[in-house]
C-alpha atoms as a PDB file:
ATOM      1  CA  MET A   1       0.023   0.032  -0.005  1.00  0.00           C
ATOM      2  CA  ASN A   2       1.366   3.405  -1.015  1.00  0.00           C
ATOM      3  CA  PHE A   3      -1.594   5.712  -0.752  1.00  0.00           C
ATOM      4  CA  CYS A   4      -4.572   6.077   1.521  1.00  0.00           C
ATOM      5  CA  PRO A   5      -7.772   4.764  -0.099  1.00  0.00           C
ATOM      6  CA  ASP A   6      -9.769   7.301   1.896  1.00  0.00           C
ATOM      7  CA  CYS A   7      -7.965  10.576   1.153  1.00  0.00           C
ATOM      8  CA  GLY A   8      -5.223   9.734  -1.340  1.00  0.00           C
ATOM      9  CA  ALA A   9      -2.332  10.893   0.806  1.00  0.00           C
ATOM     10  CA  LYS A  10       0.827   8.780   1.260  1.00  0.00           C
ATOM     11  CA  VAL A  11       0.947   6.127   3.872  1.00  0.00           C
ATOM     12  CA  SER A  12       3.896   4.826   5.807  1.00  0.00           C
ATOM     13  CA  LEU A  13       4.588   1.846   8.095  1.00  0.00           C
ATOM     14  CA  GLN A  14       4.538   2.939  11.704  1.00  0.00           C
ATOM     15  CA  ALA A  15       4.289   1.402  15.167  1.00  0.00           C
ATOM     16  CA  VAL A  16       0.746   1.619  16.480  1.00  0.00           C
ATOM     17  CA  ALA A  17      -0.073   1.760  20.164  1.00  0.00           C
ATOM     18  CA  GLY A  18      -1.183  -1.637  21.442  1.00  0.00           C
ATOM     19  CA  GLY A  19      -0.032  -3.492  18.314  1.00  0.00           C
ATOM     20  CA  ASP A  20       2.608  -6.147  17.788  1.00  0.00           C
ATOM     21  CA  ARG A  21       3.565  -5.096  14.267  1.00  0.00           C
ATOM     22  CA  PRO A  22       3.849  -1.940  12.166  1.00  0.00           C
ATOM     23  CA  ARG A  23       0.773  -0.699  10.316  1.00  0.00           C
ATOM     24  CA  TYR A  24       0.141   1.534   7.340  1.00  0.00           C
ATOM     25  CA  VAL A  25      -0.777   4.968   8.676  1.00  0.00           C
ATOM     26  CA  CYS A  26      -1.965   7.809   6.473  1.00  0.00           C
ATOM     27  CA  GLY A  27       0.123  10.992   6.642  1.00  0.00           C
ATOM     28  CA  GLY A  28      -2.969  13.026   5.656  1.00  0.00           C
ATOM     29  CA  CYS A  29      -5.979  11.915   7.537  1.00  0.00           C
ATOM     30  CA  GLY A  30      -4.157   9.837  10.075  1.00  0.00           C
ATOM     31  CA  LYS A  31      -6.174   6.680   9.534  1.00  0.00           C
ATOM     32  CA  THR A  32      -4.525   3.350  10.386  1.00  0.00           C
ATOM     33  CA  HIS A  33      -5.052   0.690   7.686  1.00  0.00           C
ATOM     34  CA  TYR A  34      -5.073  -2.957   8.744  1.00  0.00           C
ATOM     35  CA  GLU A  35      -4.308  -5.936   6.521  1.00  0.00           C
ATOM     36  CA  ASN A  36      -6.479  -8.897   7.406  1.00  0.00           C
ATOM     37  CA  PRO A  37      -6.999 -12.392   5.956  1.00  0.00           C
ATOM     38  CA  ASN A  38      -9.537 -12.943   3.227  1.00  0.00           C
ATOM     39  CA  VAL A  39     -12.280 -15.382   4.113  1.00  0.00           C
ATOM     40  CA  LEU A  40     -13.211 -18.220   1.777  1.00  0.00           C
ATOM     41  CA  VAL A  41     -16.137 -20.607   2.189  1.00  0.00           C
ATOM     42  CA  ALA A  42     -16.785 -23.992   0.599  1.00  0.00           C
ATOM     43  CA  THR A  43     -19.247 -26.855   0.917  1.00  0.00           C
ATOM     44  CA  TYR A  44     -19.168 -30.624   0.882  1.00  0.00           C
ATOM     45  CA  VAL A  45     -22.523 -31.671  -0.551  1.00  0.00           C
ATOM     46  CA  CYS A  46     -23.157 -35.196   0.762  1.00  0.00           C
ATOM     47  CA  VAL A  47     -25.581 -37.893  -0.397  1.00  0.00           C
ATOM     48  CA  GLY A  48     -25.005 -41.013   1.643  1.00  0.00           C
ATOM     49  CA  GLU A  49     -21.193 -41.595   1.488  1.00  0.00           C
ATOM     50  CA  ALA A  50     -20.759 -39.762  -1.802  1.00  0.00           C
ATOM     51  CA  ILE A  51     -19.614 -36.119  -2.083  1.00  0.00           C
ATOM     52  CA  LEU A  52     -20.223 -33.751  -4.985  1.00  0.00           C
ATOM     53  CA  TRP A  53     -17.036 -32.582  -6.728  1.00  0.00           C
ATOM     54  CA  ILE A  54     -16.706 -29.973  -9.470  1.00  0.00           C
ATOM     55  CA  LYS A  55     -14.100 -29.852 -12.220  1.00  0.00           C
ATOM     56  CA  ARG A  56     -12.762 -26.348 -12.241  1.00  0.00           C
ATOM     57  CA  GLY A  57     -13.143 -24.252 -15.346  1.00  0.00           C
ATOM     58  CA  THR A  58     -11.275 -21.150 -14.176  1.00  0.00           C
ATOM     59  CA  PRO A  59      -7.732 -20.654 -12.753  1.00  0.00           C
ATOM     60  CA  PRO A  60      -6.210 -21.799 -10.548  1.00  0.00           C
ATOM     61  CA  ALA A  61      -6.120 -25.559 -11.176  1.00  0.00           C
ATOM     62  CA  VAL A  62      -8.250 -25.628 -14.318  1.00  0.00           C
ATOM     63  CA  GLY A  63      -9.448 -29.190 -15.061  1.00  0.00           C
ATOM     64  CA  LYS A  64      -8.845 -30.429 -11.496  1.00  0.00           C
ATOM     65  CA  TRP A  65     -11.442 -31.563  -8.954  1.00  0.00           C
ATOM     66  CA  ALA A  66     -12.514 -29.263  -6.082  1.00  0.00           C
ATOM     67  CA  MET A  67     -15.535 -28.591  -3.890  1.00  0.00           C
ATOM     68  CA  PRO A  68     -17.815 -25.629  -4.669  1.00  0.00           C
ATOM     69  CA  GLY A  69     -16.655 -22.461  -2.910  1.00  0.00           C
ATOM     70  CA  GLY A  70     -15.233 -18.992  -3.102  1.00  0.00           C
ATOM     71  CA  TYR A  71     -14.792 -15.687  -1.321  1.00  0.00           C
ATOM     72  CA  MET A  72     -17.298 -14.269   1.173  1.00  0.00           C
ATOM     73  CA  GLU A  73     -18.982 -10.948   0.422  1.00  0.00           C
ATOM     74  CA  ASN A  74     -19.101  -8.137   2.987  1.00  0.00           C
ATOM     75  CA  ASP A  75     -22.834  -8.452   3.665  1.00  0.00           C
ATOM     76  CA  GLU A  76     -22.848 -12.220   4.246  1.00  0.00           C
ATOM     77  CA  THR A  77     -22.621 -14.690   7.054  1.00  0.00           C
ATOM     78  CA  PRO A  78     -20.307 -17.617   6.336  1.00  0.00           C
ATOM     79  CA  GLU A  79     -23.267 -19.913   5.860  1.00  0.00           C
ATOM     80  CA  THR A  80     -24.970 -17.477   3.472  1.00  0.00           C
ATOM     81  CA  GLY A  81     -21.749 -17.176   1.496  1.00  0.00           C
ATOM     82  CA  ALA A  82     -21.380 -20.934   1.267  1.00  0.00           C
ATOM     83  CA  SER A  83     -24.992 -21.263   0.094  1.00  0.00           C
ATOM     84  CA  ARG A  84     -24.541 -18.564  -2.533  1.00  0.00           C
ATOM     85  CA  GLU A  85     -21.270 -20.064  -3.871  1.00  0.00           C
ATOM     86  CA  LEU A  86     -22.876 -23.454  -4.102  1.00  0.00           C
ATOM     87  CA  ARG A  87     -25.832 -22.094  -6.043  1.00  0.00           C
ATOM     88  CA  GLU A  88     -23.725 -19.967  -8.378  1.00  0.00           C
ATOM     89  CA  GLU A  89     -21.299 -22.831  -9.253  1.00  0.00           C
ATOM     90  CA  THR A  90     -23.732 -25.767  -9.366  1.00  0.00           C
ATOM     91  CA  GLY A  91     -27.303 -24.572  -9.479  1.00  0.00           C
ATOM     92  CA  ILE A  92     -27.986 -26.427  -6.245  1.00  0.00           C
ATOM     93  CA  ASP A  93     -29.998 -24.348  -3.724  1.00  0.00           C
ATOM     94  CA  VAL A  94     -29.269 -25.315  -0.139  1.00  0.00           C
ATOM     95  CA  PRO A  95     -30.478 -22.838   2.507  1.00  0.00           C
ATOM     96  CA  ALA A  96     -27.896 -21.283   4.775  1.00  0.00           C
ATOM     97  CA  ASP A  97     -29.442 -22.854   7.848  1.00  0.00           C
ATOM     98  CA  LYS A  98     -28.640 -26.311   6.412  1.00  0.00           C
ATOM     99  CA  MET A  99     -24.905 -25.606   6.312  1.00  0.00           C
ATOM    100  CA  ILE A 100     -22.937 -27.371   9.095  1.00  0.00           C
ATOM    101  CA  LEU A 101     -19.420 -26.157   9.885  1.00  0.00           C
ATOM    102  CA  VAL A 102     -16.817 -28.946   9.352  1.00  0.00           C
ATOM    103  CA  SER A 103     -13.461 -27.134   9.328  1.00  0.00           C
ATOM    104  CA  VAL A 104     -11.677 -23.880  10.057  1.00  0.00           C
ATOM    105  CA  SER A 105      -8.273 -23.413   8.419  1.00  0.00           C
ATOM    106  CA  SER A 106      -5.794 -20.597   8.641  1.00  0.00           C
ATOM    107  CA  ILE A 107      -3.746 -20.556   5.453  1.00  0.00           C
ATOM    108  CA  LEU A 108      -0.953 -18.464   6.939  1.00  0.00           C
ATOM    109  CA  HIS A 109       1.287 -17.984   3.899  1.00  0.00           C
ATOM    110  CA  MET A 110      -1.652 -16.840   1.786  1.00  0.00           C
ATOM    111  CA  ALA A 111      -3.375 -14.627   4.403  1.00  0.00           C
ATOM    112  CA  GLN A 112      -6.615 -16.589   4.047  1.00  0.00           C
ATOM    113  CA  THR A 113      -9.109 -18.194   6.385  1.00  0.00           C
ATOM    114  CA  HIS A 114     -11.116 -21.083   4.998  1.00  0.00           C
ATOM    115  CA  LEU A 115     -14.520 -22.023   6.536  1.00  0.00           C
ATOM    116  CA  VAL A 116     -15.807 -25.336   5.112  1.00  0.00           C
ATOM    117  CA  PHE A 117     -19.291 -26.583   5.588  1.00  0.00           C
ATOM    118  CA  ARG A 118     -21.189 -29.790   4.852  1.00  0.00           C
ATOM    119  CA  CYS A 119     -24.789 -30.349   3.931  1.00  0.00           C
ATOM    120  CA  HIS A 120     -26.647 -33.627   3.604  1.00  0.00           C
ATOM    121  CA  LEU A 121     -29.305 -34.293   0.874  1.00  0.00           C
ATOM    122  CA  GLU A 122     -31.611 -37.256   0.505  1.00  0.00           C
ATOM    123  CA  GLN A 123     -30.897 -37.631  -3.231  1.00  0.00           C
ATOM    124  CA  LYS A 124     -28.594 -36.251  -5.868  1.00  0.00           C
ATOM    125  CA  PRO A 125     -29.984 -32.964  -7.196  1.00  0.00           C
ATOM    126  CA  ASP A 126     -29.738 -31.653 -10.732  1.00  0.00           C
ATOM    127  CA  THR A 127     -26.654 -29.599 -11.442  1.00  0.00           C
ATOM    128  CA  VAL A 128     -26.104 -26.718 -13.871  1.00  0.00           C
ATOM    129  CA  ARG A 129     -22.692 -26.180 -15.433  1.00  0.00           C
ATOM    130  CA  SER A 130     -21.073 -22.753 -14.975  1.00  0.00           C
ATOM    131  CA  GLU A 131     -17.901 -21.009 -16.068  1.00  0.00           C
ATOM    132  CA  GLU A 132     -16.340 -22.108 -12.813  1.00  0.00           C
ATOM    133  CA  ALA A 133     -17.647 -25.676 -12.792  1.00  0.00           C
ATOM    134  CA  VAL A 134     -17.545 -27.458 -16.139  1.00  0.00           C
ATOM    135  CA  GLU A 135     -18.234 -30.915 -14.939  1.00  0.00           C
ATOM    136  CA  PHE A 136     -19.711 -32.658 -11.863  1.00  0.00           C
ATOM    137  CA  SER A 137     -19.270 -36.020 -10.275  1.00  0.00           C
ATOM    138  CA  TRP A 138     -20.363 -37.747  -7.095  1.00  0.00           C
ATOM    139  CA  PHE A 139     -17.356 -39.610  -5.716  1.00  0.00           C
ATOM    140  CA  ALA A 140     -17.179 -42.075  -2.854  1.00  0.00           C
ATOM    141  CA  GLU A 141     -13.762 -42.170  -1.164  1.00  0.00           C
ATOM    142  CA  ASP A 142     -12.448 -45.124  -3.260  1.00  0.00           C
ATOM    143  CA  ASP A 143     -13.547 -43.470  -6.531  1.00  0.00           C
ATOM    144  CA  LEU A 144     -12.200 -39.961  -5.982  1.00  0.00           C
ATOM    145  CA  PRO A 145      -9.177 -39.203  -8.307  1.00  0.00           C
ATOM    146  CA  TRP A 146      -6.903 -38.167  -5.504  1.00  0.00           C
ATOM    147  CA  ASP A 147      -4.039 -37.289  -7.857  1.00  0.00           C
ATOM    148  CA  ASP A 148      -6.292 -34.826  -9.631  1.00  0.00           C
ATOM    149  CA  LEU A 149      -7.382 -32.691  -6.660  1.00  0.00           C
ATOM    150  CA  ALA A 150      -7.132 -28.983  -7.338  1.00  0.00           C
ATOM    151  CA  PHE A 151      -5.652 -28.373  -3.921  1.00  0.00           C
ATOM    152  CA  PRO A 152      -3.823 -31.462  -2.649  1.00  0.00           C
ATOM    153  CA  THR A 153      -3.324 -30.105   0.836  1.00  0.00           C
ATOM    154  CA  ILE A 154      -7.014 -30.737   1.582  1.00  0.00           C
ATOM    155  CA  GLU A 155      -6.602 -34.538   1.307  1.00  0.00           C
ATOM    156  CA  PRO A 156      -6.462 -35.133   5.090  1.00  0.00           C
ATOM    157  CA  HIS A 157      -9.697 -33.099   5.557  1.00  0.00           C
ATOM    158  CA  VAL A 158     -11.465 -34.965   2.734  1.00  0.00           C
ATOM    159  CA  ARG A 159     -10.463 -38.345   4.135  1.00  0.00           C
ATOM    160  CA  GLN A 160     -11.639 -37.324   7.565  1.00  0.00           C
ATOM    161  CA  LEU A 161     -15.015 -36.334   6.231  1.00  0.00           C
ATOM    162  CA  TYR A 162     -15.438 -39.611   4.304  1.00  0.00           C
ATOM    163  CA  SER A 163     -14.598 -41.401   7.557  1.00  0.00           C
ATOM    164  CA  TRP A 164     -17.236 -39.342   9.385  1.00  0.00           C
ATOM    165  CA  LEU A 165     -19.776 -40.146   6.710  1.00  0.00           C
ATOM    166  CA  ARG A 166     -19.165 -43.879   7.120  1.00  0.00           C
ATOM    167  CA  GLU A 167     -19.344 -43.728  10.905  1.00  0.00           C
ATOM    168  CA  GLY A 168     -22.153 -41.211  11.295  1.00  0.00           C
ATOM    169  CA  ASN A 169     -20.117 -39.326  13.923  1.00  0.00           C
ATOM    170  CA  TYR A 170     -18.902 -35.818  13.032  1.00  0.00           C
ATOM    171  CA  GLY A 171     -16.636 -33.109  14.290  1.00  0.00           C
ATOM    172  CA  ILE A 172     -14.951 -29.863  13.379  1.00  0.00           C
ATOM    173  CA  ARG A 173     -11.324 -29.698  12.228  1.00  0.00           C
ATOM    174  CA  VAL A 174      -9.407 -26.580  13.373  1.00  0.00           C
ATOM    175  CA  GLY A 175      -5.856 -25.763  12.417  1.00  0.00           C
ATOM    176  CA  PHE A 176      -3.439 -24.118  10.039  1.00  0.00           C
ATOM    177  CA  ILE A 177      -1.353 -24.633   6.903  1.00  0.00           C
ATOM    178  CA  ASP A 178       1.880 -22.830   6.222  1.00  0.00           C
ATOM    179  CA  GLU A 179       4.878 -23.276   3.928  1.00  0.00           C
ATOM    180  CA  ASN A 180       6.242 -26.007   6.193  1.00  0.00           C
ATOM    181  CA  GLY A 181       3.138 -28.168   6.602  1.00  0.00           C
ATOM    182  CA  SER A 182      -0.073 -28.267   8.580  1.00  0.00           C
ATOM    183  CA  GLN A 183      -1.364 -28.962  12.043  1.00  0.00           C
ATOM    184  CA  TYR A 184      -4.977 -29.727  12.932  1.00  0.00           C
ATOM    185  CA  ARG A 185      -7.121 -30.905  15.824  1.00  0.00           C
ATOM    186  CA  ASN A 186     -10.541 -32.636  15.626  1.00  0.00           C
ATOM    187  CA  PHE A 187     -13.306 -31.500  17.949  1.00  0.00           C
ATOM    188  CA  PRO A 188     -16.079 -34.108  18.111  1.00  0.00           C
ATOM    189  CA  LEU A 189     -19.721 -32.992  17.985  1.00  0.00           C
ATOM    190  CA  ALA A 190     -22.390 -34.310  20.254  1.00  0.00           C
ATOM    191  CA  ALA A 191     -24.908 -36.356  18.257  1.00  0.00           C
ATOM    192  CA  SER A 192     -27.779 -34.139  19.469  1.00  0.00           C
ATOM    193  CA  SER A 193     -26.148 -31.010  17.993  1.00  0.00           C
ATOM    194  CA  ASP A 194     -26.107 -32.457  14.501  1.00  0.00           C
ATOM    195  CA  SER A 195     -29.811 -32.384  13.798  1.00  0.00           C
ATOM    196  CA  ALA A 196     -29.398 -31.658  10.086  1.00  0.00           C
ATOM    197  CA  THR A 197     -28.103 -35.173   9.493  1.00  0.00           C
ATOM    198  CA  GLN A 198     -31.106 -36.864  11.081  1.00  0.00           C
END
């Protein structure tokens, strides 16, 4: 950042009271500008032990398999954002209140936070191709082309969800990924709190 988006004056990195790192401070209006992670949302759409995967039509990882998802908008809750992204990319309309949190990931080297949800449907719905999703497939764990995942670092999360689908017991994975690897913990959910799967 070189100039203040509010007044156009130059900004400079300065120590800010109560902070642990320098921040961009405007030399004109005095506003402090914070750089914060972008939030992405995604959804595992589950029918039995199968999960919906999309073949990406736009960069990055064109032609690879991923789950529907994208960036949150400013006026959205995470669940609303996940519902919108799912509808935009697949034509599937799942209400926000049917989205169940399954993982929270801090992607430290990319300044991103990923909130991933799951939803459970009785039958496979019709899908509509989009620019972002040029093909769809419902894969069980043994059928998923693991070598063709758009983002290979998600493999442990995906295998965990397939395991939860088989067992009927769920949790939330919380952790981080950086340039050196990843570290996660699973937090089991009480069966009574998972009413959307009943």
